[in-house]
Amino acid sequence: MTLVVCDDKKEIALIRHDFLNSYNSFLELNSHENLFYLESFGQIGMIEDLKSLNKEQKELIIMLSWEILILTGQPIEIEYITLVNVFEQIGVSQDYNVQILKNVGF
């Protein structure tokens, strides 16, 4: 969700929001519950939960996050920094992040 609103351009946020909602539907997630969770526990709580994901789950999040980030073109610096920072907080190094992206052809 952080990536959806990271860019201050409304049209980019809307495109990313729609994209994220398509994955929410596919994974049978409720976006209102996700927002409630984020509001209740904050980013720190979400980071703590993401730390407990297994390797495959983290890899999926890496791929989806980058897909959202590049959906509207070249990401701005704050978006890149935010994403790398979140990954590092959940135990994903920048080197591992790059390795995963290369493996899937990003």
PDB file of N, CA and C in Angstrom:
ATOM      1  N   MET A   1       0.829  -1.183   0.000  1.00  0.00           N
ATOM      2  CA  MET A   1       0.000   0.000   0.000  1.00  0.00           C
ATOM      3  C   MET A   1       0.876   1.251   0.000  1.00  0.00           C
ATOM      4  N   THR A   2       2.013   1.185   0.656  1.00  0.00           N
ATOM      5  CA  THR A   2       2.914   2.331   0.674  1.00  0.00           C
ATOM      6  C   THR A   2       3.296   2.755  -0.729  1.00  0.00           C
ATOM      7  N   LEU A   3       3.528   1.800  -1.603  1.00  0.00           N
ATOM      8  CA  LEU A   3       3.914   2.117  -2.978  1.00  0.00           C
ATOM      9  C   LEU A   3       2.800   2.786  -3.756  1.00  0.00           C
ATOM     10  N   VAL A   4       1.571   2.477  -3.419  1.00  0.00           N
ATOM     11  CA  VAL A   4       0.444   3.060  -4.146  1.00  0.00           C
ATOM     12  C   VAL A   4       0.395   4.559  -3.936  1.00  0.00           C
ATOM     13  N   VAL A   5       0.688   5.018  -2.735  1.00  0.00           N
ATOM     14  CA  VAL A   5       0.563   6.445  -2.429  1.00  0.00           C
ATOM     15  C   VAL A   5       1.895   7.156  -2.323  1.00  0.00           C
ATOM     16  N   CYS A   6       2.988   6.483  -2.594  1.00  0.00           N
ATOM     17  CA  CYS A   6       4.319   7.073  -2.455  1.00  0.00           C
ATOM     18  C   CYS A   6       4.516   8.244  -3.412  1.00  0.00           C
ATOM     19  N   ASP A   7       4.023   8.118  -4.621  1.00  0.00           N
ATOM     20  CA  ASP A   7       4.114   9.187  -5.611  1.00  0.00           C
ATOM     21  C   ASP A   7       2.948  10.133  -5.381  1.00  0.00           C
ATOM     22  N   ASP A   8       3.200  11.433  -5.421  1.00  0.00           N
ATOM     23  CA  ASP A   8       2.137  12.401  -5.118  1.00  0.00           C
ATOM     24  C   ASP A   8       1.222  12.689  -6.308  1.00  0.00           C
ATOM     25  N   LYS A   9       1.425  12.039  -7.429  1.00  0.00           N
ATOM     26  CA  LYS A   9       0.578  12.246  -8.604  1.00  0.00           C
ATOM     27  C   LYS A   9      -0.642  11.341  -8.499  1.00  0.00           C
ATOM     28  N   LYS A  10      -1.814  11.958  -8.472  1.00  0.00           N
ATOM     29  CA  LYS A  10      -3.056  11.223  -8.265  1.00  0.00           C
ATOM     30  C   LYS A  10      -3.287  10.153  -9.323  1.00  0.00           C
ATOM     31  N   GLU A  11      -2.995  10.471 -10.589  1.00  0.00           N
ATOM     32  CA  GLU A  11      -3.261   9.489 -11.648  1.00  0.00           C
ATOM     33  C   GLU A  11      -2.388   8.247 -11.495  1.00  0.00           C
ATOM     34  N   ILE A  12      -1.158   8.413 -11.029  1.00  0.00           N
ATOM     35  CA  ILE A  12      -0.274   7.262 -10.800  1.00  0.00           C
ATOM     36  C   ILE A  12      -0.792   6.439  -9.629  1.00  0.00           C
ATOM     37  N   ALA A  13      -1.214   7.119  -8.574  1.00  0.00           N
ATOM     38  CA  ALA A  13      -1.760   6.411  -7.418  1.00  0.00           C
ATOM     39  C   ALA A  13      -2.998   5.611  -7.803  1.00  0.00           C
ATOM     40  N   LEU A  14      -3.845   6.160  -8.664  1.00  0.00           N
ATOM     41  CA  LEU A  14      -5.058   5.444  -9.090  1.00  0.00           C
ATOM     42  C   LEU A  14      -4.723   4.206  -9.919  1.00  0.00           C
ATOM     43  N   ILE A  15      -3.758   4.318 -10.823  1.00  0.00           N
ATOM     44  CA  ILE A  15      -3.345   3.168 -11.632  1.00  0.00           C
ATOM     45  C   ILE A  15      -2.794   2.069 -10.728  1.00  0.00           C
ATOM     46  N   ARG A  16      -1.956   2.452  -9.788  1.00  0.00           N
ATOM     47  CA  ARG A  16      -1.368   1.467  -8.877  1.00  0.00           C
ATOM     48  C   ARG A  16      -2.432   0.854  -7.969  1.00  0.00           C
ATOM     49  N   HIS A  17      -3.374   1.675  -7.537  1.00  0.00           N
ATOM     50  CA  HIS A  17      -4.462   1.191  -6.684  1.00  0.00           C
ATOM     51  C   HIS A  17      -5.283   0.131  -7.420  1.00  0.00           C
ATOM     52  N   ASP A  18      -5.630   0.413  -8.669  1.00  0.00           N
ATOM     53  CA  ASP A  18      -6.390  -0.553  -9.469  1.00  0.00           C
ATOM     54  C   ASP A  18      -5.614  -1.855  -9.654  1.00  0.00           C
ATOM     55  N   PHE A  19      -4.310  -1.733  -9.906  1.00  0.00           N
ATOM     56  CA  PHE A  19      -3.458  -2.907 -10.073  1.00  0.00           C
ATOM     57  C   PHE A  19      -3.436  -3.733  -8.790  1.00  0.00           C
ATOM     58  N   LEU A  20      -3.249  -3.069  -7.667  1.00  0.00           N
ATOM     59  CA  LEU A  20      -3.219  -3.756  -6.381  1.00  0.00           C
ATOM     60  C   LEU A  20      -4.555  -4.435  -6.101  1.00  0.00           C
ATOM     61  N   ASN A  21      -5.640  -3.774  -6.440  1.00  0.00           N
ATOM     62  CA  ASN A  21      -6.961  -4.370  -6.235  1.00  0.00           C
ATOM     63  C   ASN A  21      -7.158  -5.619  -7.082  1.00  0.00           C
ATOM     64  N   SER A  22      -6.553  -5.663  -8.267  1.00  0.00           N
ATOM     65  CA  SER A  22      -6.680  -6.871  -9.085  1.00  0.00           C
ATOM     66  C   SER A  22      -6.004  -8.050  -8.391  1.00  0.00           C
ATOM     67  N   TYR A  23      -4.883  -7.813  -7.722  1.00  0.00           N
ATOM     68  CA  TYR A  23      -4.237  -8.884  -6.966  1.00  0.00           C
ATOM     69  C   TYR A  23      -5.028  -9.220  -5.712  1.00  0.00           C
ATOM     70  N   ASN A  24      -5.602  -8.214  -5.067  1.00  0.00           N
ATOM     71  CA  ASN A  24      -6.451  -8.475  -3.903  1.00  0.00           C
ATOM     72  C   ASN A  24      -7.591  -9.410  -4.285  1.00  0.00           C
ATOM     73  N   SER A  25      -8.203  -9.155  -5.423  1.00  0.00           N
ATOM     74  CA  SER A  25      -9.311 -10.006  -5.881  1.00  0.00           C
ATOM     75  C   SER A  25      -8.816 -11.425  -6.166  1.00  0.00           C
ATOM     76  N   PHE A  26      -7.702 -11.521  -6.885  1.00  0.00           N
ATOM     77  CA  PHE A  26      -7.139 -12.821  -7.232  1.00  0.00           C
ATOM     78  C   PHE A  26      -6.803 -13.636  -5.984  1.00  0.00           C
ATOM     79  N   LEU A  27      -6.241 -12.970  -4.975  1.00  0.00           N
ATOM     80  CA  LEU A  27      -5.830 -13.651  -3.743  1.00  0.00           C
ATOM     81  C   LEU A  27      -6.948 -13.700  -2.699  1.00  0.00           C
ATOM     82  N   GLU A  28      -8.122 -13.202  -3.092  1.00  0.00           N
ATOM     83  CA  GLU A  28      -9.288 -13.159  -2.217  1.00  0.00           C
ATOM     84  C   GLU A  28      -9.005 -12.395  -0.924  1.00  0.00           C
ATOM     85  N   LEU A  29      -8.358 -11.244  -1.083  1.00  0.00           N
ATOM     86  CA  LEU A  29      -8.082 -10.359   0.039  1.00  0.00           C
ATOM     87  C   LEU A  29      -9.083  -9.215   0.029  1.00  0.00           C
ATOM     88  N   ASN A  30      -9.359  -8.692   1.190  1.00  0.00           N
ATOM     89  CA  ASN A  30     -10.285  -7.574   1.310  1.00  0.00           C
ATOM     90  C   ASN A  30      -9.482  -6.301   1.545  1.00  0.00           C
ATOM     91  N   SER A  31      -9.544  -5.372   0.606  1.00  0.00           N
ATOM     92  CA  SER A  31      -8.730  -4.155   0.723  1.00  0.00           C
ATOM     93  C   SER A  31      -9.138  -3.313   1.928  1.00  0.00           C
ATOM     94  N   HIS A  32     -10.417  -3.345   2.299  1.00  0.00           N
ATOM     95  CA  HIS A  32     -10.856  -2.581   3.479  1.00  0.00           C
ATOM     96  C   HIS A  32     -10.258  -3.174   4.755  1.00  0.00           C
ATOM     97  N   GLU A  33     -10.191  -4.497   4.818  1.00  0.00           N
ATOM     98  CA  GLU A  33      -9.553  -5.147   5.964  1.00  0.00           C
ATOM     99  C   GLU A  33      -8.058  -4.835   5.993  1.00  0.00           C
ATOM    100  N   ASN A  34      -7.427  -4.799   4.819  1.00  0.00           N
ATOM    101  CA  ASN A  34      -6.006  -4.465   4.744  1.00  0.00           C
ATOM    102  C   ASN A  34      -5.754  -3.059   5.266  1.00  0.00           C
ATOM    103  N   LEU A  35      -6.594  -2.097   4.852  1.00  0.00           N
ATOM    104  CA  LEU A  35      -6.440  -0.718   5.319  1.00  0.00           C
ATOM    105  C   LEU A  35      -6.693  -0.616   6.814  1.00  0.00           C
ATOM    106  N   PHE A  36      -7.713  -1.324   7.308  1.00  0.00           N
ATOM    107  CA  PHE A  36      -7.998  -1.329   8.742  1.00  0.00           C
ATOM    108  C   PHE A  36      -6.802  -1.875   9.515  1.00  0.00           C
ATOM    109  N   TYR A  37      -6.217  -2.948   8.996  1.00  0.00           N
ATOM    110  CA  TYR A  37      -5.040  -3.545   9.627  1.00  0.00           C
ATOM    111  C   TYR A  37      -3.896  -2.532   9.685  1.00  0.00           C
ATOM    112  N   LEU A  38      -3.639  -1.873   8.551  1.00  0.00           N
ATOM    113  CA  LEU A  38      -2.563  -0.890   8.493  1.00  0.00           C
ATOM    114  C   LEU A  38      -2.827   0.258   9.460  1.00  0.00           C
ATOM    115  N   GLU A  39      -4.061   0.733   9.511  1.00  0.00           N
ATOM    116  CA  GLU A  39      -4.406   1.821  10.427  1.00  0.00           C
ATOM    117  C   GLU A  39      -4.290   1.377  11.885  1.00  0.00           C
ATOM    118  N   SER A  40      -4.616   0.128  12.154  1.00  0.00           N
ATOM    119  CA  SER A  40      -4.585  -0.382  13.531  1.00  0.00           C
ATOM    120  C   SER A  40      -3.170  -0.646  14.033  1.00  0.00           C
ATOM    121  N   PHE A  41      -2.346  -1.248  13.179  1.00  0.00           N
ATOM    122  CA  PHE A  41      -1.016  -1.679  13.625  1.00  0.00           C
ATOM    123  C   PHE A  41       0.116  -0.833  13.068  1.00  0.00           C
ATOM    124  N   GLY A  42      -0.172  -0.018  12.078  1.00  0.00           N
ATOM    125  CA  GLY A  42       0.840   0.858  11.498  1.00  0.00           C
ATOM    126  C   GLY A  42       1.856   0.098  10.675  1.00  0.00           C
ATOM    127  N   GLN A  43       2.756   0.849  10.089  1.00  0.00           N
ATOM    128  CA  GLN A  43       3.768   0.233   9.242  1.00  0.00           C
ATOM    129  C   GLN A  43       4.696  -0.669  10.053  1.00  0.00           C
ATOM    130  N   ILE A  44       4.968  -0.293  11.298  1.00  0.00           N
ATOM    131  CA  ILE A  44       5.857  -1.118  12.132  1.00  0.00           C
ATOM    132  C   ILE A  44       5.238  -2.495  12.374  1.00  0.00           C
ATOM    133  N   GLY A  45       3.941  -2.542  12.657  1.00  0.00           N
ATOM    134  CA  GLY A  45       3.262  -3.815  12.855  1.00  0.00           C
ATOM    135  C   GLY A  45       3.258  -4.653  11.594  1.00  0.00           C
ATOM    136  N   MET A  46       3.057  -3.987  10.461  1.00  0.00           N
ATOM    137  CA  MET A  46       3.048  -4.702   9.201  1.00  0.00           C
ATOM    138  C   MET A  46       4.441  -5.270   8.899  1.00  0.00           C
ATOM    139  N   ILE A  47       5.469  -4.484   9.162  1.00  0.00           N
ATOM    140  CA  ILE A  47       6.846  -4.943   8.953  1.00  0.00           C
ATOM    141  C   ILE A  47       7.115  -6.175   9.815  1.00  0.00           C
ATOM    142  N   GLU A  48       6.682  -6.141  11.061  1.00  0.00           N
ATOM    143  CA  GLU A  48       6.899  -7.286  11.945  1.00  0.00           C
ATOM    144  C   GLU A  48       6.226  -8.538  11.395  1.00  0.00           C
ATOM    145  N   ASP A  49       5.020  -8.402  10.859  1.00  0.00           N
ATOM    146  CA  ASP A  49       4.334  -9.548  10.275  1.00  0.00           C
ATOM    147  C   ASP A  49       5.031 -10.040   9.015  1.00  0.00           C
ATOM    148  N   LEU A  50       5.508  -9.119   8.197  1.00  0.00           N
ATOM    149  CA  LEU A  50       6.189  -9.512   6.956  1.00  0.00           C
ATOM    150  C   LEU A  50       7.493 -10.240   7.229  1.00  0.00           C
ATOM    151  N   LYS A  51       8.131  -9.940   8.348  1.00  0.00           N
ATOM    152  CA  LYS A  51       9.375 -10.632   8.707  1.00  0.00           C
ATOM    153  C   LYS A  51       9.168 -12.129   8.849  1.00  0.00           C
ATOM    154  N   SER A  52       7.969 -12.527   9.262  1.00  0.00           N
ATOM    155  CA  SER A  52       7.713 -13.941   9.530  1.00  0.00           C
ATOM    156  C   SER A  52       7.358 -14.742   8.271  1.00  0.00           C
ATOM    157  N   LEU A  53       7.237 -14.080   7.128  1.00  0.00           N
ATOM    158  CA  LEU A  53       6.923 -14.795   5.896  1.00  0.00           C
ATOM    159  C   LEU A  53       8.071 -15.717   5.507  1.00  0.00           C
ATOM    160  N   ASN A  54       7.731 -16.802   4.821  1.00  0.00           N
ATOM    161  CA  ASN A  54       8.787 -17.699   4.358  1.00  0.00           C
ATOM    162  C   ASN A  54       9.442 -17.116   3.098  1.00  0.00           C
ATOM    163  N   LYS A  55      10.481 -17.777   2.643  1.00  0.00           N
ATOM    164  CA  LYS A  55      11.282 -17.301   1.517  1.00  0.00           C
ATOM    165  C   LYS A  55      10.429 -17.097   0.262  1.00  0.00           C
ATOM    166  N   GLU A  56       9.583 -18.049  -0.063  1.00  0.00           N
ATOM    167  CA  GLU A  56       8.753 -17.954  -1.270  1.00  0.00           C
ATOM    168  C   GLU A  56       7.761 -16.805  -1.184  1.00  0.00           C
ATOM    169  N   GLN A  57       7.196 -16.599  -0.008  1.00  0.00           N
ATOM    170  CA  GLN A  57       6.250 -15.494   0.175  1.00  0.00           C
ATOM    171  C   GLN A  57       6.954 -14.144   0.010  1.00  0.00           C
ATOM    172  N   LYS A  58       8.154 -14.037   0.561  1.00  0.00           N
ATOM    173  CA  LYS A  58       8.908 -12.788   0.410  1.00  0.00           C
ATOM    174  C   LYS A  58       9.279 -12.558  -1.054  1.00  0.00           C
ATOM    175  N   GLU A  59       9.624 -13.636  -1.756  1.00  0.00           N
ATOM    176  CA  GLU A  59       9.952 -13.493  -3.169  1.00  0.00           C
ATOM    177  C   GLU A  59       8.742 -12.987  -3.962  1.00  0.00           C
ATOM    178  N   LEU A  60       7.562 -13.494  -3.639  1.00  0.00           N
ATOM    179  CA  LEU A  60       6.346 -13.019  -4.297  1.00  0.00           C
ATOM    180  C   LEU A  60       6.119 -11.533  -4.016  1.00  0.00           C
ATOM    181  N   ILE A  61       6.332 -11.132  -2.784  1.00  0.00           N
ATOM    182  CA  ILE A  61       6.163  -9.716  -2.439  1.00  0.00           C
ATOM    183  C   ILE A  61       7.181  -8.857  -3.180  1.00  0.00           C
ATOM    184  N   ILE A  62       8.402  -9.347  -3.313  1.00  0.00           N
ATOM    185  CA  ILE A  62       9.422  -8.605  -4.066  1.00  0.00           C
ATOM    186  C   ILE A  62       8.941  -8.392  -5.501  1.00  0.00           C
ATOM    187  N   MET A  63       8.509  -9.448  -6.144  1.00  0.00           N
ATOM    188  CA  MET A  63       8.087  -9.338  -7.546  1.00  0.00           C
ATOM    189  C   MET A  63       6.867  -8.429  -7.705  1.00  0.00           C
ATOM    190  N   LEU A  64       5.876  -8.602  -6.853  1.00  0.00           N
ATOM    191  CA  LEU A  64       4.674  -7.767  -6.954  1.00  0.00           C
ATOM    192  C   LEU A  64       4.979  -6.296  -6.658  1.00  0.00           C
ATOM    193  N   SER A  65       5.821  -6.060  -5.675  1.00  0.00           N
ATOM    194  CA  SER A  65       6.162  -4.683  -5.318  1.00  0.00           C
ATOM    195  C   SER A  65       6.866  -3.961  -6.458  1.00  0.00           C
ATOM    196  N   TRP A  66       7.816  -4.653  -7.087  1.00  0.00           N
ATOM    197  CA  TRP A  66       8.513  -4.039  -8.214  1.00  0.00           C
ATOM    198  C   TRP A  66       7.588  -3.851  -9.401  1.00  0.00           C
ATOM    199  N   GLU A  67       6.676  -4.802  -9.590  1.00  0.00           N
ATOM    200  CA  GLU A  67       5.719  -4.663 -10.681  1.00  0.00           C
ATOM    201  C   GLU A  67       4.842  -3.425 -10.475  1.00  0.00           C
ATOM    202  N   ILE A  68       4.395  -3.214  -9.250  1.00  0.00           N
ATOM    203  CA  ILE A  68       3.608  -2.014  -8.935  1.00  0.00           C
ATOM    204  C   ILE A  68       4.447  -0.757  -9.152  1.00  0.00           C
ATOM    205  N   LEU A  69       5.699  -0.808  -8.721  1.00  0.00           N
ATOM    206  CA  LEU A  69       6.564   0.365  -8.804  1.00  0.00           C
ATOM    207  C   LEU A  69       6.835   0.794 -10.244  1.00  0.00           C
ATOM    208  N   ILE A  70       7.052  -0.168 -11.138  1.00  0.00           N
ATOM    209  CA  ILE A  70       7.402   0.190 -12.514  1.00  0.00           C
ATOM    210  C   ILE A  70       6.179   0.258 -13.439  1.00  0.00           C
ATOM    211  N   LEU A  71       5.017  -0.004 -12.897  1.00  0.00           N
ATOM    212  CA  LEU A  71       3.780  -0.013 -13.677  1.00  0.00           C
ATOM    213  C   LEU A  71       3.577   1.282 -14.460  1.00  0.00           C
ATOM    214  N   THR A  72       3.950   2.384 -13.881  1.00  0.00           N
ATOM    215  CA  THR A  72       3.703   3.687 -14.503  1.00  0.00           C
ATOM    216  C   THR A  72       4.973   4.337 -15.030  1.00  0.00           C
ATOM    217  N   GLY A  73       6.006   3.548 -15.239  1.00  0.00           N
ATOM    218  CA  GLY A  73       7.244   4.094 -15.772  1.00  0.00           C
ATOM    219  C   GLY A  73       8.362   4.055 -14.755  1.00  0.00           C
ATOM    220  N   GLN A  74       9.353   4.859 -14.992  1.00  0.00           N
ATOM    221  CA  GLN A  74      10.527   4.924 -14.130  1.00  0.00           C
ATOM    222  C   GLN A  74      10.144   5.417 -12.733  1.00  0.00           C
ATOM    223  N   PRO A  75      10.469   4.639 -11.692  1.00  0.00           N
ATOM    224  CA  PRO A  75      10.134   5.091 -10.335  1.00  0.00           C
ATOM    225  C   PRO A  75      10.961   6.308  -9.927  1.00  0.00           C
ATOM    226  N   ILE A  76      10.366   7.128  -9.081  1.00  0.00           N
ATOM    227  CA  ILE A  76      11.116   8.261  -8.552  1.00  0.00           C
ATOM    228  C   ILE A  76      11.975   7.765  -7.388  1.00  0.00           C
ATOM    229  N   GLU A  77      12.958   8.537  -7.028  1.00  0.00           N
ATOM    230  CA  GLU A  77      13.949   8.097  -6.046  1.00  0.00           C
ATOM    231  C   GLU A  77      13.326   7.704  -4.711  1.00  0.00           C
ATOM    232  N   ILE A  78      12.364   8.479  -4.213  1.00  0.00           N
ATOM    233  CA  ILE A  78      11.770   8.178  -2.909  1.00  0.00           C
ATOM    234  C   ILE A  78      11.048   6.834  -2.935  1.00  0.00           C
ATOM    235  N   GLU A  79      10.479   6.468  -4.073  1.00  0.00           N
ATOM    236  CA  GLU A  79       9.813   5.171  -4.191  1.00  0.00           C
ATOM    237  C   GLU A  79      10.833   4.041  -4.091  1.00  0.00           C
ATOM    238  N   TYR A  80      11.923   4.191  -4.797  1.00  0.00           N
ATOM    239  CA  TYR A  80      12.979   3.184  -4.766  1.00  0.00           C
ATOM    240  C   TYR A  80      13.534   3.042  -3.346  1.00  0.00           C
ATOM    241  N   ILE A  81      13.829   4.163  -2.719  1.00  0.00           N
ATOM    242  CA  ILE A  81      14.385   4.148  -1.358  1.00  0.00           C
ATOM    243  C   ILE A  81      13.411   3.503  -0.382  1.00  0.00           C
ATOM    244  N   THR A  82      12.126   3.845  -0.508  1.00  0.00           N
ATOM    245  CA  THR A  82      11.102   3.286   0.374  1.00  0.00           C
ATOM    246  C   THR A  82      11.034   1.774   0.231  1.00  0.00           C
ATOM    247  N   LEU A  83      11.017   1.302  -1.007  1.00  0.00           N
ATOM    248  CA  LEU A  83      10.901  -0.134  -1.252  1.00  0.00           C
ATOM    249  C   LEU A  83      12.116  -0.887  -0.723  1.00  0.00           C
ATOM    250  N   VAL A  84      13.300  -0.412  -1.019  1.00  0.00           N
ATOM    251  CA  VAL A  84      14.523  -1.060  -0.547  1.00  0.00           C
ATOM    252  C   VAL A  84      14.555  -1.066   0.983  1.00  0.00           C
ATOM    253  N   ASN A  85      14.135   0.032   1.598  1.00  0.00           N
ATOM    254  CA  ASN A  85      14.120   0.132   3.056  1.00  0.00           C
ATOM    255  C   ASN A  85      13.162  -0.892   3.671  1.00  0.00           C
ATOM    256  N   VAL A  86      11.974  -1.025   3.110  1.00  0.00           N
ATOM    257  CA  VAL A  86      11.011  -2.005   3.621  1.00  0.00           C
ATOM    258  C   VAL A  86      11.576  -3.416   3.475  1.00  0.00           C
ATOM    259  N   PHE A  87      12.153  -3.716   2.321  1.00  0.00           N
ATOM    260  CA  PHE A  87      12.733  -5.049   2.127  1.00  0.00           C
ATOM    261  C   PHE A  87      13.826  -5.325   3.146  1.00  0.00           C
ATOM    262  N   GLU A  88      14.689  -4.359   3.380  1.00  0.00           N
ATOM    263  CA  GLU A  88      15.762  -4.564   4.353  1.00  0.00           C
ATOM    264  C   GLU A  88      15.196  -4.801   5.743  1.00  0.00           C
ATOM    265  N   GLN A  89      14.105  -4.102   6.090  1.00  0.00           N
ATOM    266  CA  GLN A  89      13.488  -4.273   7.404  1.00  0.00           C
ATOM    267  C   GLN A  89      12.887  -5.660   7.595  1.00  0.00           C
ATOM    268  N   ILE A  90      12.477  -6.308   6.493  1.00  0.00           N
ATOM    269  CA  ILE A  90      11.903  -7.653   6.628  1.00  0.00           C
ATOM    270  C   ILE A  90      12.942  -8.747   6.359  1.00  0.00           C
ATOM    271  N   GLY A  91      14.190  -8.339   6.235  1.00  0.00           N
ATOM    272  CA  GLY A  91      15.267  -9.320   6.106  1.00  0.00           C
ATOM    273  C   GLY A  91      15.657  -9.677   4.689  1.00  0.00           C
ATOM    274  N   VAL A  92      15.329  -8.824   3.730  1.00  0.00           N
ATOM    275  CA  VAL A  92      15.685  -9.069   2.333  1.00  0.00           C
ATOM    276  C   VAL A  92      16.762  -8.065   1.936  1.00  0.00           C
ATOM    277  N   SER A  93      17.954  -8.559   1.703  1.00  0.00           N
ATOM    278  CA  SER A  93      19.055  -7.670   1.333  1.00  0.00           C
ATOM    279  C   SER A  93      18.860  -7.143  -0.083  1.00  0.00           C
ATOM    280  N   GLN A  94      19.534  -6.069  -0.384  1.00  0.00           N
ATOM    281  CA  GLN A  94      19.456  -5.503  -1.725  1.00  0.00           C
ATOM    282  C   GLN A  94      20.018  -6.492  -2.756  1.00  0.00           C
ATOM    283  N   ASP A  95      21.072  -7.207  -2.400  1.00  0.00           N
ATOM    284  CA  ASP A  95      21.649  -8.197  -3.313  1.00  0.00           C
ATOM    285  C   ASP A  95      20.652  -9.316  -3.615  1.00  0.00           C
ATOM    286  N   TYR A  96      19.961  -9.812  -2.587  1.00  0.00           N
ATOM    287  CA  TYR A  96      18.979 -10.874  -2.787  1.00  0.00           C
ATOM    288  C   TYR A  96      17.807 -10.363  -3.623  1.00  0.00           C
ATOM    289  N   ASN A  97      17.405  -9.142  -3.356  1.00  0.00           N
ATOM    290  CA  ASN A  97      16.343  -8.485  -4.110  1.00  0.00           C
ATOM    291  C   ASN A  97      16.692  -8.466  -5.599  1.00  0.00           C
ATOM    292  N   VAL A  98      17.901  -8.036  -5.927  1.00  0.00           N
ATOM    293  CA  VAL A  98      18.359  -7.982  -7.318  1.00  0.00           C
ATOM    294  C   VAL A  98      18.400  -9.380  -7.914  1.00  0.00           C
ATOM    295  N   GLN A  99      18.864 -10.355  -7.150  1.00  0.00           N
ATOM    296  CA  GLN A  99      18.935 -11.732  -7.633  1.00  0.00           C
ATOM    297  C   GLN A  99      17.544 -12.250  -8.008  1.00  0.00           C
ATOM    298  N   ILE A 100      16.563 -12.014  -7.172  1.00  0.00           N
ATOM    299  CA  ILE A 100      15.191 -12.462  -7.453  1.00  0.00           C
ATOM    300  C   ILE A 100      14.677 -11.792  -8.716  1.00  0.00           C
ATOM    301  N   LEU A 101      14.891 -10.509  -8.848  1.00  0.00           N
ATOM    302  CA  LEU A 101      14.398  -9.782 -10.014  1.00  0.00           C
ATOM    303  C   LEU A 101      15.069 -10.279 -11.302  1.00  0.00           C
ATOM    304  N   LYS A 102      16.362 -10.573 -11.234  1.00  0.00           N
ATOM    305  CA  LYS A 102      17.049 -11.117 -12.411  1.00  0.00           C
ATOM    306  C   LYS A 102      16.507 -12.487 -12.780  1.00  0.00           C
ATOM    307  N   ASN A 103      16.195 -13.301 -11.768  1.00  0.00           N
ATOM    308  CA  ASN A 103      15.679 -14.649 -12.016  1.00  0.00           C
ATOM    309  C   ASN A 103      14.340 -14.650 -12.739  1.00  0.00           C
ATOM    310  N   VAL A 104      13.552 -13.598 -12.541  1.00  0.00           N
ATOM    311  CA  VAL A 104      12.231 -13.546 -13.189  1.00  0.00           C
ATOM    312  C   VAL A 104      12.215 -12.618 -14.385  1.00  0.00           C
ATOM    313  N   GLY A 105      13.378 -12.070 -14.745  1.00  0.00           N
ATOM    314  CA  GLY A 105      13.479 -11.276 -15.962  1.00  0.00           C
ATOM    315  C   GLY A 105      13.115  -9.810 -15.851  1.00  0.00           C
ATOM    316  N   PHE A 106      13.184  -9.259 -14.638  1.00  0.00           N
ATOM    317  CA  PHE A 106      12.928  -7.812 -14.474  1.00  0.00           C
ATOM    318  C   PHE A 106      14.113  -7.031 -14.972  1.00  0.00           C
TER     319      PHE A 106
END
